[in-house]
Amino acid sequence: MNEGSVGQKMLNVRFETVDQLHQGYMSFIENGGVFIKTTEDYKVGDEVFMLITLPDDTERRPVAGKIVWITPRAAVGNRIPGIGVQFSDQDKGRTRNKIEGLLEGIIDSDVPTFTM
């Protein structure tokens, strides 16, 4: 941990539907990642620990990650404020593979997401 760091933040992330998951999944990031709606202050590079619940799943998946994207409050174009968190190498692609399996057939659709 870097000097002056207050430690990792714990985030409970729940995607109720496949549509919500599609809106929040960031396939264009190495290892995959998710966009989390929040108005809390974070910095790019901050490390977080997430418990992610996917649609139709009761299991909360523990995933470490790093903030790689921030959409600030009052962003241009009325974008939803939040953070993009890249899954760490420690996950070994498990969460990315599970999400991409759930999003099979719609992952590359033209439906707008929270990030791109």
PDB file of N, CA and C in Angstrom:
ATOM      1  N   MET A   1       0.840  -1.187   0.000  1.00  0.00           N
ATOM      2  CA  MET A   1       0.000   0.000   0.000  1.00  0.00           C
ATOM      3  C   MET A   1       0.879   1.244   0.000  1.00  0.00           C
ATOM      4  N   ASN A   2       0.445   2.264  -0.671  1.00  0.00           N
ATOM      5  CA  ASN A   2       1.215   3.502  -0.729  1.00  0.00           C
ATOM      6  C   ASN A   2       1.154   4.249   0.598  1.00  0.00           C
ATOM      7  N   GLU A   3       2.212   4.986   0.870  1.00  0.00           N
ATOM      8  CA  GLU A   3       2.263   5.794   2.079  1.00  0.00           C
ATOM      9  C   GLU A   3       1.106   6.796   2.063  1.00  0.00           C
ATOM     10  N   GLY A   4       0.451   6.964   3.167  1.00  0.00           N
ATOM     11  CA  GLY A   4      -0.645   7.912   3.256  1.00  0.00           C
ATOM     12  C   GLY A   4      -1.979   7.336   2.830  1.00  0.00           C
ATOM     13  N   SER A   5      -1.992   6.092   2.371  1.00  0.00           N
ATOM     14  CA  SER A   5      -3.232   5.461   1.936  1.00  0.00           C
ATOM     15  C   SER A   5      -4.060   5.069   3.153  1.00  0.00           C
ATOM     16  N   VAL A   6      -5.373   5.188   3.035  1.00  0.00           N
ATOM     17  CA  VAL A   6      -6.247   4.835   4.151  1.00  0.00           C
ATOM     18  C   VAL A   6      -6.793   3.419   4.005  1.00  0.00           C
ATOM     19  N   GLY A   7      -6.323   2.674   3.006  1.00  0.00           N
ATOM     20  CA  GLY A   7      -6.780   1.311   2.808  1.00  0.00           C
ATOM     21  C   GLY A   7      -7.846   1.227   1.726  1.00  0.00           C
ATOM     22  N   GLN A   8      -8.156  -0.002   1.357  1.00  0.00           N
ATOM     23  CA  GLN A   8      -9.136  -0.230   0.305  1.00  0.00           C
ATOM     24  C   GLN A   8     -10.542   0.036   0.814  1.00  0.00           C
ATOM     25  N   LYS A   9     -11.373   0.568  -0.098  1.00  0.00           N
ATOM     26  CA  LYS A   9     -12.784   0.725   0.222  1.00  0.00           C
ATOM     27  C   LYS A   9     -13.511  -0.540  -0.185  1.00  0.00           C
ATOM     28  N   MET A  10     -14.519  -0.917   0.577  1.00  0.00           N
ATOM     29  CA  MET A  10     -15.354  -2.074   0.282  1.00  0.00           C
ATOM     30  C   MET A  10     -16.626  -1.579  -0.403  1.00  0.00           C
ATOM     31  N   LEU A  11     -16.940  -2.147  -1.555  1.00  0.00           N
ATOM     32  CA  LEU A  11     -18.125  -1.760  -2.303  1.00  0.00           C
ATOM     33  C   LEU A  11     -19.016  -2.977  -2.519  1.00  0.00           C
ATOM     34  N   ASN A  12     -20.275  -2.854  -2.163  1.00  0.00           N
ATOM     35  CA  ASN A  12     -21.255  -3.884  -2.485  1.00  0.00           C
ATOM     36  C   ASN A  12     -21.908  -3.491  -3.802  1.00  0.00           C
ATOM     37  N   VAL A  13     -21.760  -4.330  -4.809  1.00  0.00           N
ATOM     38  CA  VAL A  13     -22.242  -4.030  -6.148  1.00  0.00           C
ATOM     39  C   VAL A  13     -23.252  -5.097  -6.533  1.00  0.00           C
ATOM     40  N   ARG A  14     -24.453  -4.659  -6.892  1.00  0.00           N
ATOM     41  CA  ARG A  14     -25.511  -5.614  -7.241  1.00  0.00           C
ATOM     42  C   ARG A  14     -26.105  -5.227  -8.590  1.00  0.00           C
ATOM     43  N   PHE A  15     -26.108  -6.195  -9.506  1.00  0.00           N
ATOM     44  CA  PHE A  15     -26.756  -6.028 -10.801  1.00  0.00           C
ATOM     45  C   PHE A  15     -28.003  -6.909 -10.775  1.00  0.00           C
ATOM     46  N   GLU A  16     -29.169  -6.276 -10.755  1.00  0.00           N
ATOM     47  CA  GLU A  16     -30.434  -7.008 -10.644  1.00  0.00           C
ATOM     48  C   GLU A  16     -30.819  -7.695 -11.955  1.00  0.00           C
ATOM     49  N   THR A  17     -30.491  -7.053 -13.084  1.00  0.00           N
ATOM     50  CA  THR A  17     -30.910  -7.575 -14.387  1.00  0.00           C
ATOM     51  C   THR A  17     -29.717  -7.648 -15.334  1.00  0.00           C
ATOM     52  N   VAL A  18     -29.875  -8.432 -16.380  1.00  0.00           N
ATOM     53  CA  VAL A  18     -28.842  -8.520 -17.410  1.00  0.00           C
ATOM     54  C   VAL A  18     -28.669  -7.160 -18.080  1.00  0.00           C
ATOM     55  N   ASP A  19     -29.759  -6.406 -18.266  1.00  0.00           N
ATOM     56  CA  ASP A  19     -29.667  -5.065 -18.858  1.00  0.00           C
ATOM     57  C   ASP A  19     -28.802  -4.144 -17.997  1.00  0.00           C
ATOM     58  N   GLN A  20     -28.991  -4.178 -16.684  1.00  0.00           N
ATOM     59  CA  GLN A  20     -28.161  -3.365 -15.784  1.00  0.00           C
ATOM     60  C   GLN A  20     -26.699  -3.780 -15.887  1.00  0.00           C
ATOM     61  N   LEU A  21     -26.467  -5.084 -15.948  1.00  0.00           N
ATOM     62  CA  LEU A  21     -25.106  -5.588 -16.066  1.00  0.00           C
ATOM     63  C   LEU A  21     -24.479  -5.111 -17.370  1.00  0.00           C
ATOM     64  N   HIS A  22     -25.232  -5.160 -18.452  1.00  0.00           N
ATOM     65  CA  HIS A  22     -24.722  -4.697 -19.750  1.00  0.00           C
ATOM     66  C   HIS A  22     -24.370  -3.212 -19.696  1.00  0.00           C
ATOM     67  N   GLN A  23     -25.216  -2.427 -19.050  1.00  0.00           N
ATOM     68  CA  GLN A  23     -24.952  -0.989 -18.941  1.00  0.00           C
ATOM     69  C   GLN A  23     -23.691  -0.696 -18.142  1.00  0.00           C
ATOM     70  N   GLY A  24     -23.371  -1.552 -17.176  1.00  0.00           N
ATOM     71  CA  GLY A  24     -22.242  -1.301 -16.303  1.00  0.00           C
ATOM     72  C   GLY A  24     -20.958  -2.042 -16.642  1.00  0.00           C
ATOM     73  N   TYR A  25     -21.035  -3.043 -17.523  1.00  0.00           N
ATOM     74  CA  TYR A  25     -19.836  -3.832 -17.810  1.00  0.00           C
ATOM     75  C   TYR A  25     -18.906  -3.086 -18.761  1.00  0.00           C
ATOM     76  N   MET A  26     -17.621  -3.143 -18.472  1.00  0.00           N
ATOM     77  CA  MET A  26     -16.615  -2.448 -19.276  1.00  0.00           C
ATOM     78  C   MET A  26     -15.708  -3.492 -19.937  1.00  0.00           C
ATOM     79  N   SER A  27     -16.152  -4.003 -21.087  1.00  0.00           N
ATOM     80  CA  SER A  27     -15.419  -5.063 -21.783  1.00  0.00           C
ATOM     81  C   SER A  27     -14.126  -4.566 -22.411  1.00  0.00           C
ATOM     82  N   PHE A  28     -14.021  -3.267 -22.625  1.00  0.00           N
ATOM     83  CA  PHE A  28     -12.872  -2.691 -23.316  1.00  0.00           C
ATOM     84  C   PHE A  28     -11.653  -2.515 -22.412  1.00  0.00           C
ATOM     85  N   ILE A  29     -11.777  -2.859 -21.134  1.00  0.00           N
ATOM     86  CA  ILE A  29     -10.674  -2.736 -20.176  1.00  0.00           C
ATOM     87  C   ILE A  29     -10.003  -4.101 -20.025  1.00  0.00           C
ATOM     88  N   GLU A  30      -8.670  -4.104 -19.980  1.00  0.00           N
ATOM     89  CA  GLU A  30      -7.942  -5.350 -19.744  1.00  0.00           C
ATOM     90  C   GLU A  30      -8.451  -5.995 -18.456  1.00  0.00           C
ATOM     91  N   ASN A  31      -8.742  -7.272 -18.477  1.00  0.00           N
ATOM     92  CA  ASN A  31      -9.307  -8.064 -17.372  1.00  0.00           C
ATOM     93  C   ASN A  31     -10.800  -7.805 -17.169  1.00  0.00           C
ATOM     94  N   GLY A  32     -11.377  -6.832 -17.871  1.00  0.00           N
ATOM     95  CA  GLY A  32     -12.777  -6.475 -17.669  1.00  0.00           C
ATOM     96  C   GLY A  32     -12.929  -5.560 -16.469  1.00  0.00           C
ATOM     97  N   GLY A  33     -14.118  -5.000 -16.332  1.00  0.00           N
ATOM     98  CA  GLY A  33     -14.389  -4.118 -15.210  1.00  0.00           C
ATOM     99  C   GLY A  33     -15.845  -3.721 -15.195  1.00  0.00           C
ATOM    100  N   VAL A  34     -16.239  -2.998 -14.174  1.00  0.00           N
ATOM    101  CA  VAL A  34     -17.620  -2.541 -14.054  1.00  0.00           C
ATOM    102  C   VAL A  34     -17.663  -1.065 -13.702  1.00  0.00           C
ATOM    103  N   PHE A  35     -18.725  -0.426 -14.171  1.00  0.00           N
ATOM    104  CA  PHE A  35     -19.020   0.950 -13.809  1.00  0.00           C
ATOM    105  C   PHE A  35     -19.979   0.905 -12.627  1.00  0.00           C
ATOM    106  N   ILE A  36     -19.661   1.667 -11.598  1.00  0.00           N
ATOM    107  CA  ILE A  36     -20.476   1.702 -10.384  1.00  0.00           C
ATOM    108  C   ILE A  36     -20.970   3.126 -10.190  1.00  0.00           C
ATOM    109  N   LYS A  37     -22.288   3.283 -10.135  1.00  0.00           N
ATOM    110  CA  LYS A  37     -22.856   4.608  -9.894  1.00  0.00           C
ATOM    111  C   LYS A  37     -22.512   5.046  -8.470  1.00  0.00           C
ATOM    112  N   THR A  38     -21.949   6.244  -8.362  1.00  0.00           N
ATOM    113  CA  THR A  38     -21.637   6.788  -7.043  1.00  0.00           C
ATOM    114  C   THR A  38     -21.353   8.280  -7.167  1.00  0.00           C
ATOM    115  N   THR A  39     -21.605   8.993  -6.089  1.00  0.00           N
ATOM    116  CA  THR A  39     -21.229  10.406  -6.031  1.00  0.00           C
ATOM    117  C   THR A  39     -20.096  10.610  -5.024  1.00  0.00           C
ATOM    118  N   GLU A  40     -19.575   9.510  -4.459  1.00  0.00           N
ATOM    119  CA  GLU A  40     -18.441   9.609  -3.528  1.00  0.00           C
ATOM    120  C   GLU A  40     -17.185   9.985  -4.297  1.00  0.00           C
ATOM    121  N   ASP A  41     -16.234  10.593  -3.593  1.00  0.00           N
ATOM    122  CA  ASP A  41     -14.983  11.014  -4.215  1.00  0.00           C
ATOM    123  C   ASP A  41     -13.974   9.870  -4.238  1.00  0.00           C
ATOM    124  N   TYR A  42     -13.440   9.612  -5.408  1.00  0.00           N
ATOM    125  CA  TYR A  42     -12.385   8.628  -5.621  1.00  0.00           C
ATOM    126  C   TYR A  42     -11.343   9.253  -6.529  1.00  0.00           C
ATOM    127  N   LYS A  43     -10.194   8.608  -6.615  1.00  0.00           N
ATOM    128  CA  LYS A  43      -9.140   9.035  -7.530  1.00  0.00           C
ATOM    129  C   LYS A  43      -8.784   7.862  -8.430  1.00  0.00           C
ATOM    130  N   VAL A  44      -8.405   8.175  -9.668  1.00  0.00           N
ATOM    131  CA  VAL A  44      -7.903   7.136 -10.548  1.00  0.00           C
ATOM    132  C   VAL A  44      -6.689   6.507  -9.875  1.00  0.00           C
ATOM    133  N   GLY A  45      -6.649   5.195  -9.856  1.00  0.00           N
ATOM    134  CA  GLY A  45      -5.564   4.468  -9.200  1.00  0.00           C
ATOM    135  C   GLY A  45      -5.929   3.938  -7.827  1.00  0.00           C
ATOM    136  N   ASP A  46      -7.003   4.476  -7.205  1.00  0.00           N
ATOM    137  CA  ASP A  46      -7.440   3.956  -5.909  1.00  0.00           C
ATOM    138  C   ASP A  46      -7.785   2.476  -6.041  1.00  0.00           C
ATOM    139  N   GLU A  47      -7.413   1.699  -5.045  1.00  0.00           N
ATOM    140  CA  GLU A  47      -7.766   0.291  -5.014  1.00  0.00           C
ATOM    141  C   GLU A  47      -9.031   0.118  -4.192  1.00  0.00           C
ATOM    142  N   VAL A  48      -9.910  -0.777  -4.687  1.00  0.00           N
ATOM    143  CA  VAL A  48     -11.159  -1.061  -3.988  1.00  0.00           C
ATOM    144  C   VAL A  48     -11.345  -2.570  -3.938  1.00  0.00           C
ATOM    145  N   PHE A  49     -12.190  -3.004  -3.032  1.00  0.00           N
ATOM    146  CA  PHE A  49     -12.578  -4.405  -2.947  1.00  0.00           C
ATOM    147  C   PHE A  49     -14.085  -4.457  -3.120  1.00  0.00           C
ATOM    148  N   MET A  50     -14.544  -5.293  -4.035  1.00  0.00           N
ATOM    149  CA  MET A  50     -15.973  -5.352  -4.346  1.00  0.00           C
ATOM    150  C   MET A  50     -16.541  -6.720  -3.991  1.00  0.00           C
ATOM    151  N   LEU A  51     -17.786  -6.716  -3.556  1.00  0.00           N
ATOM    152  CA  LEU A  51     -18.591  -7.931  -3.474  1.00  0.00           C
ATOM    153  C   LEU A  51     -19.665  -7.749  -4.536  1.00  0.00           C
ATOM    154  N   ILE A  52     -19.543  -8.490  -5.630  1.00  0.00           N
ATOM    155  CA  ILE A  52     -20.420  -8.315  -6.790  1.00  0.00           C
ATOM    156  C   ILE A  52     -21.461  -9.417  -6.830  1.00  0.00           C
ATOM    157  N   THR A  53     -22.731  -9.019  -6.926  1.00  0.00           N
ATOM    158  CA  THR A  53     -23.822  -9.969  -7.114  1.00  0.00           C
ATOM    159  C   THR A  53     -24.348  -9.790  -8.526  1.00  0.00           C
ATOM    160  N   LEU A  54     -24.349 -10.880  -9.284  1.00  0.00           N
ATOM    161  CA  LEU A  54     -24.796 -10.853 -10.672  1.00  0.00           C
ATOM    162  C   LEU A  54     -26.261 -11.261 -10.761  1.00  0.00           C
ATOM    163  N   PRO A  55     -26.931 -10.951 -11.891  1.00  0.00           N
ATOM    164  CA  PRO A  55     -28.348 -11.305 -12.039  1.00  0.00           C
ATOM    165  C   PRO A  55     -28.583 -12.807 -11.834  1.00  0.00           C
ATOM    166  N   ASP A  56     -29.672 -13.141 -11.188  1.00  0.00           N
ATOM    167  CA  ASP A  56     -30.074 -14.527 -10.935  1.00  0.00           C
ATOM    168  C   ASP A  56     -29.010 -15.328 -10.183  1.00  0.00           C
ATOM    169  N   ASP A  57     -28.263 -14.655  -9.316  1.00  0.00           N
ATOM    170  CA  ASP A  57     -27.216 -15.312  -8.554  1.00  0.00           C
ATOM    171  C   ASP A  57     -27.285 -14.794  -7.120  1.00  0.00           C
ATOM    172  N   THR A  58     -27.195 -15.675  -6.164  1.00  0.00           N
ATOM    173  CA  THR A  58     -27.208 -15.241  -4.770  1.00  0.00           C
ATOM    174  C   THR A  58     -25.796 -15.093  -4.225  1.00  0.00           C
ATOM    175  N   GLU A  59     -24.816 -15.614  -4.962  1.00  0.00           N
ATOM    176  CA  GLU A  59     -23.425 -15.544  -4.529  1.00  0.00           C
ATOM    177  C   GLU A  59     -22.869 -14.130  -4.712  1.00  0.00           C
ATOM    178  N   ARG A  60     -22.200 -13.639  -3.679  1.00  0.00           N
ATOM    179  CA  ARG A  60     -21.491 -12.360  -3.797  1.00  0.00           C
ATOM    180  C   ARG A  60     -20.041 -12.698  -4.111  1.00  0.00           C
ATOM    181  N   ARG A  61     -19.589 -12.288  -5.284  1.00  0.00           N
ATOM    182  CA  ARG A  61     -18.239 -12.604  -5.751  1.00  0.00           C
ATOM    183  C   ARG A  61     -17.252 -11.571  -5.218  1.00  0.00           C
ATOM    184  N   PRO A  62     -16.240 -12.013  -4.469  1.00  0.00           N
ATOM    185  CA  PRO A  62     -15.224 -11.072  -3.999  1.00  0.00           C
ATOM    186  C   PRO A  62     -14.238 -10.775  -5.127  1.00  0.00           C
ATOM    187  N   VAL A  63     -14.075  -9.488  -5.448  1.00  0.00           N
ATOM    188  CA  VAL A  63     -13.180  -9.087  -6.533  1.00  0.00           C
ATOM    189  C   VAL A  63     -12.421  -7.822  -6.118  1.00  0.00           C
ATOM    190  N   ALA A  64     -11.113  -7.875  -6.220  1.00  0.00           N
ATOM    191  CA  ALA A  64     -10.287  -6.687  -6.000  1.00  0.00           C
ATOM    192  C   ALA A  64     -10.198  -5.928  -7.316  1.00  0.00           C
ATOM    193  N   GLY A  65     -10.049  -4.620  -7.222  1.00  0.00           N
ATOM    194  CA  GLY A  65      -9.953  -3.836  -8.438  1.00  0.00           C
ATOM    195  C   GLY A  65      -9.295  -2.494  -8.209  1.00  0.00           C
ATOM    196  N   LYS A  66      -9.118  -1.793  -9.331  1.00  0.00           N
ATOM    197  CA  LYS A  66      -8.485  -0.476  -9.307  1.00  0.00           C
ATOM    198  C   LYS A  66      -9.333   0.478 -10.138  1.00  0.00           C
ATOM    199  N   ILE A  67      -9.508   1.687  -9.634  1.00  0.00           N
ATOM    200  CA  ILE A  67     -10.305   2.684 -10.350  1.00  0.00           C
ATOM    201  C   ILE A  67      -9.514   3.194 -11.548  1.00  0.00           C
ATOM    202  N   VAL A  68     -10.149   3.068 -12.728  1.00  0.00           N
ATOM    203  CA  VAL A  68      -9.500   3.485 -13.973  1.00  0.00           C
ATOM    204  C   VAL A  68     -10.331   4.519 -14.727  1.00  0.00           C
ATOM    205  N   TRP A  69     -11.501   4.862 -14.195  1.00  0.00           N
ATOM    206  CA  TRP A  69     -12.420   5.749 -14.908  1.00  0.00           C
ATOM    207  C   TRP A  69     -13.236   6.490 -13.859  1.00  0.00           C
ATOM    208  N   ILE A  70     -13.422   7.780 -14.060  1.00  0.00           N
ATOM    209  CA  ILE A  70     -14.298   8.548 -13.176  1.00  0.00           C
ATOM    210  C   ILE A  70     -15.191   9.435 -14.036  1.00  0.00           C
ATOM    211  N   THR A  71     -16.491   9.331 -13.804  1.00  0.00           N
ATOM    212  CA  THR A  71     -17.441  10.274 -14.390  1.00  0.00           C
ATOM    213  C   THR A  71     -17.902  11.154 -13.227  1.00  0.00           C
ATOM    214  N   PRO A  72     -17.480  12.409 -13.210  1.00  0.00           N
ATOM    215  CA  PRO A  72     -17.782  13.284 -12.072  1.00  0.00           C
ATOM    216  C   PRO A  72     -19.244  13.728 -12.051  1.00  0.00           C
ATOM    217  N   ARG A  73     -19.655  14.222 -10.881  1.00  0.00           N
ATOM    218  CA  ARG A  73     -20.979  14.848 -10.785  1.00  0.00           C
ATOM    219  C   ARG A  73     -21.005  15.984 -11.801  1.00  0.00           C
ATOM    220  N   ALA A  74     -22.143  16.258 -12.365  1.00  0.00           N
ATOM    221  CA  ALA A  74     -22.328  17.337 -13.345  1.00  0.00           C
ATOM    222  C   ALA A  74     -21.459  17.142 -14.587  1.00  0.00           C
ATOM    223  N   ALA A  75     -21.283  15.895 -14.998  1.00  0.00           N
ATOM    224  CA  ALA A  75     -20.501  15.611 -16.203  1.00  0.00           C
ATOM    225  C   ALA A  75     -21.250  16.100 -17.437  1.00  0.00           C
ATOM    226  N   VAL A  76     -20.493  16.428 -18.470  1.00  0.00           N
ATOM    227  CA  VAL A  76     -21.061  16.884 -19.734  1.00  0.00           C
ATOM    228  C   VAL A  76     -21.992  15.793 -20.283  1.00  0.00           C
ATOM    229  N   GLY A  77     -23.100  16.216 -20.858  1.00  0.00           N
ATOM    230  CA  GLY A  77     -24.032  15.273 -21.468  1.00  0.00           C
ATOM    231  C   GLY A  77     -24.907  14.535 -20.480  1.00  0.00           C
ATOM    232  N   ASN A  78     -24.991  15.053 -19.248  1.00  0.00           N
ATOM    233  CA  ASN A  78     -25.825  14.424 -18.223  1.00  0.00           C
ATOM    234  C   ASN A  78     -25.483  12.961 -17.985  1.00  0.00           C
ATOM    235  N   ARG A  79     -24.203  12.628 -18.075  1.00  0.00           N
ATOM    236  CA  ARG A  79     -23.760  11.261 -17.806  1.00  0.00           C
ATOM    237  C   ARG A  79     -23.962  10.945 -16.330  1.00  0.00           C
ATOM    238  N   ILE A  80     -24.208   9.678 -16.039  1.00  0.00           N
ATOM    239  CA  ILE A  80     -24.388   9.215 -14.668  1.00  0.00           C
ATOM    240  C   ILE A  80     -23.035   9.298 -13.941  1.00  0.00           C
ATOM    241  N   PRO A  81     -22.972   9.921 -12.761  1.00  0.00           N
ATOM    242  CA  PRO A  81     -21.704   9.971 -12.026  1.00  0.00           C
ATOM    243  C   PRO A  81     -21.330   8.593 -11.482  1.00  0.00           C
ATOM    244  N   GLY A  82     -20.045   8.297 -11.507  1.00  0.00           N
ATOM    245  CA  GLY A  82     -19.603   7.015 -10.978  1.00  0.00           C
ATOM    246  C   GLY A  82     -18.152   6.734 -11.285  1.00  0.00           C
ATOM    247  N   ILE A  83     -17.769   5.486 -11.015  1.00  0.00           N
ATOM    248  CA  ILE A  83     -16.388   5.055 -11.202  1.00  0.00           C
ATOM    249  C   ILE A  83     -16.348   3.784 -12.039  1.00  0.00           C
ATOM    250  N   GLY A  84     -15.298   3.650 -12.813  1.00  0.00           N
ATOM    251  CA  GLY A  84     -15.032   2.415 -13.531  1.00  0.00           C
ATOM    252  C   GLY A  84     -13.923   1.682 -12.817  1.00  0.00           C
ATOM    253  N   VAL A  85     -14.178   0.427 -12.468  1.00  0.00           N
ATOM    254  CA  VAL A  85     -13.214  -0.360 -11.707  1.00  0.00           C
ATOM    255  C   VAL A  85     -12.743  -1.540 -12.553  1.00  0.00           C
ATOM    256  N   GLN A  86     -11.440  -1.605 -12.754  1.00  0.00           N
ATOM    257  CA  GLN A  86     -10.830  -2.707 -13.496  1.00  0.00           C
ATOM    258  C   GLN A  86     -10.618  -3.882 -12.554  1.00  0.00           C
ATOM    259  N   PHE A  87     -11.017  -5.089 -12.994  1.00  0.00           N
ATOM    260  CA  PHE A  87     -10.783  -6.282 -12.188  1.00  0.00           C
ATOM    261  C   PHE A  87      -9.284  -6.566 -12.122  1.00  0.00           C
ATOM    262  N   SER A  88      -8.804  -6.975 -10.958  1.00  0.00           N
ATOM    263  CA  SER A  88      -7.375  -7.242 -10.785  1.00  0.00           C
ATOM    264  C   SER A  88      -6.996  -8.573 -11.425  1.00  0.00           C
ATOM    265  N   ASP A  89      -5.695  -8.740 -11.628  1.00  0.00           N
ATOM    266  CA  ASP A  89      -5.169 -10.003 -12.153  1.00  0.00           C
ATOM    267  C   ASP A  89      -5.468 -11.161 -11.207  1.00  0.00           C
ATOM    268  N   GLN A  90      -5.611 -10.881  -9.918  1.00  0.00           N
ATOM    269  CA  GLN A  90      -5.871 -11.922  -8.917  1.00  0.00           C
ATOM    270  C   GLN A  90      -7.141 -12.707  -9.231  1.00  0.00           C
ATOM    271  N   ASP A  91      -8.083 -12.075  -9.924  1.00  0.00           N
ATOM    272  CA  ASP A  91      -9.355 -12.724 -10.252  1.00  0.00           C
ATOM    273  C   ASP A  91      -9.174 -13.796 -11.326  1.00  0.00           C
ATOM    274  N   LYS A  92      -8.076 -13.751 -12.059  1.00  0.00           N
ATOM    275  CA  LYS A  92      -7.752 -14.730 -13.097  1.00  0.00           C
ATOM    276  C   LYS A  92      -8.851 -14.867 -14.162  1.00  0.00           C
ATOM    277  N   GLY A  93      -9.584 -13.779 -14.401  1.00  0.00           N
ATOM    278  CA  GLY A  93     -10.602 -13.775 -15.446  1.00  0.00           C
ATOM    279  C   GLY A  93     -11.923 -14.412 -15.071  1.00  0.00           C
ATOM    280  N   ARG A  94     -12.060 -14.891 -13.849  1.00  0.00           N
ATOM    281  CA  ARG A  94     -13.299 -15.583 -13.455  1.00  0.00           C
ATOM    282  C   ARG A  94     -14.525 -14.683 -13.558  1.00  0.00           C
ATOM    283  N   THR A  95     -14.435 -13.480 -13.008  1.00  0.00           N
ATOM    284  CA  THR A  95     -15.594 -12.587 -13.028  1.00  0.00           C
ATOM    285  C   THR A  95     -15.870 -12.109 -14.447  1.00  0.00           C
ATOM    286  N   ARG A  96     -14.824 -11.742 -15.177  1.00  0.00           N
ATOM    287  CA  ARG A  96     -14.991 -11.330 -16.577  1.00  0.00           C
ATOM    288  C   ARG A  96     -15.678 -12.434 -17.375  1.00  0.00           C
ATOM    289  N   ASN A  97     -15.205 -13.685 -17.244  1.00  0.00           N
ATOM    290  CA  ASN A  97     -15.786 -14.799 -17.997  1.00  0.00           C
ATOM    291  C   ASN A  97     -17.241 -15.042 -17.619  1.00  0.00           C
ATOM    292  N   LYS A  98     -17.562 -14.953 -16.344  1.00  0.00           N
ATOM    293  CA  LYS A  98     -18.949 -15.146 -15.888  1.00  0.00           C
ATOM    294  C   LYS A  98     -19.846 -14.059 -16.482  1.00  0.00           C
ATOM    295  N   ILE A  99     -19.401 -12.801 -16.408  1.00  0.00           N
ATOM    296  CA  ILE A  99     -20.192 -11.685 -16.939  1.00  0.00           C
ATOM    297  C   ILE A  99     -20.362 -11.819 -18.442  1.00  0.00           C
ATOM    298  N   GLU A 100     -19.297 -12.122 -19.145  1.00  0.00           N
ATOM    299  CA  GLU A 100     -19.394 -12.232 -20.603  1.00  0.00           C
ATOM    300  C   GLU A 100     -20.276 -13.398 -21.015  1.00  0.00           C
ATOM    301  N   GLY A 101     -20.329 -14.445 -20.212  1.00  0.00           N
ATOM    302  CA  GLY A 101     -21.266 -15.540 -20.463  1.00  0.00           C
ATOM    303  C   GLY A 101     -22.708 -15.077 -20.320  1.00  0.00           C
ATOM    304  N   LEU A 102     -22.969 -14.278 -19.303  1.00  0.00           N
ATOM    305  CA  LEU A 102     -24.326 -13.751 -19.091  1.00  0.00           C
ATOM    306  C   LEU A 102     -24.725 -12.770 -20.195  1.00  0.00           C
ATOM    307  N   LEU A 103     -23.737 -12.069 -20.747  1.00  0.00           N
ATOM    308  CA  LEU A 103     -24.017 -11.042 -21.762  1.00  0.00           C
ATOM    309  C   LEU A 103     -23.851 -11.569 -23.189  1.00  0.00           C
ATOM    310  N   GLU A 104     -23.684 -12.863 -23.336  1.00  0.00           N
ATOM    311  CA  GLU A 104     -23.478 -13.442 -24.664  1.00  0.00           C
ATOM    312  C   GLU A 104     -24.600 -13.000 -25.609  1.00  0.00           C
ATOM    313  N   GLY A 105     -24.211 -12.510 -26.763  1.00  0.00           N
ATOM    314  CA  GLY A 105     -25.176 -12.066 -27.767  1.00  0.00           C
ATOM    315  C   GLY A 105     -25.538 -10.594 -27.677  1.00  0.00           C
ATOM    316  N   ILE A 106     -25.282  -9.952 -26.533  1.00  0.00           N
ATOM    317  CA  ILE A 106     -25.609  -8.522 -26.425  1.00  0.00           C
ATOM    318  C   ILE A 106     -24.411  -7.665 -26.046  1.00  0.00           C
ATOM    319  N   ILE A 107     -23.283  -8.300 -25.751  1.00  0.00           N
ATOM    320  CA  ILE A 107     -22.126  -7.552 -25.265  1.00  0.00           C
ATOM    321  C   ILE A 107     -21.663  -6.490 -26.247  1.00  0.00           C
ATOM    322  N   ASP A 108     -21.776  -6.756 -27.549  1.00  0.00           N
ATOM    323  CA  ASP A 108     -21.317  -5.799 -28.549  1.00  0.00           C
ATOM    324  C   ASP A 108     -22.467  -5.072 -29.239  1.00  0.00           C
ATOM    325  N   SER A 109     -23.628  -5.035 -28.601  1.00  0.00           N
ATOM    326  CA  SER A 109     -24.774  -4.375 -29.207  1.00  0.00           C
ATOM    327  C   SER A 109     -24.592  -2.856 -29.197  1.00  0.00           C
ATOM    328  N   ASP A 110     -25.459  -2.177 -29.909  1.00  0.00           N
ATOM    329  CA  ASP A 110     -25.398  -0.717 -29.998  1.00  0.00           C
ATOM    330  C   ASP A 110     -26.145  -0.015 -28.868  1.00  0.00           C
ATOM    331  N   VAL A 111     -26.646  -0.778 -27.916  1.00  0.00           N
ATOM    332  CA  VAL A 111     -27.365  -0.200 -26.782  1.00  0.00           C
ATOM    333  C   VAL A 111     -26.388   0.623 -25.950  1.00  0.00           C
ATOM    334  N   PRO A 112     -26.727   1.893 -25.651  1.00  0.00           N
ATOM    335  CA  PRO A 112     -25.808   2.739 -24.868  1.00  0.00           C
ATOM    336  C   PRO A 112     -25.553   2.176 -23.481  1.00  0.00           C
ATOM    337  N   THR A 113     -24.326   2.391 -22.986  1.00  0.00           N
ATOM    338  CA  THR A 113     -23.959   1.979 -21.645  1.00  0.00           C
ATOM    339  C   THR A 113     -23.601   3.216 -20.826  1.00  0.00           C
ATOM    340  N   PHE A 114     -23.229   3.025 -19.566  1.00  0.00           N
ATOM    341  CA  PHE A 114     -22.885   4.163 -18.726  1.00  0.00           C
ATOM    342  C   PHE A 114     -21.532   4.766 -19.078  1.00  0.00           C
ATOM    343  N   THR A 115     -20.732   4.050 -19.890  1.00  0.00           N
ATOM    344  CA  THR A 115     -19.393   4.547 -20.166  1.00  0.00           C
ATOM    345  C   THR A 115     -19.153   4.925 -21.620  1.00  0.00           C
ATOM    346  N   MET A 116     -19.595   4.133 -22.548  1.00  0.00           N
ATOM    347  CA  MET A 116     -19.292   4.408 -23.957  1.00  0.00           C
ATOM    348  C   MET A 116     -20.528   4.251 -24.804  1.00  0.00           C
TER     349      MET A 116
END
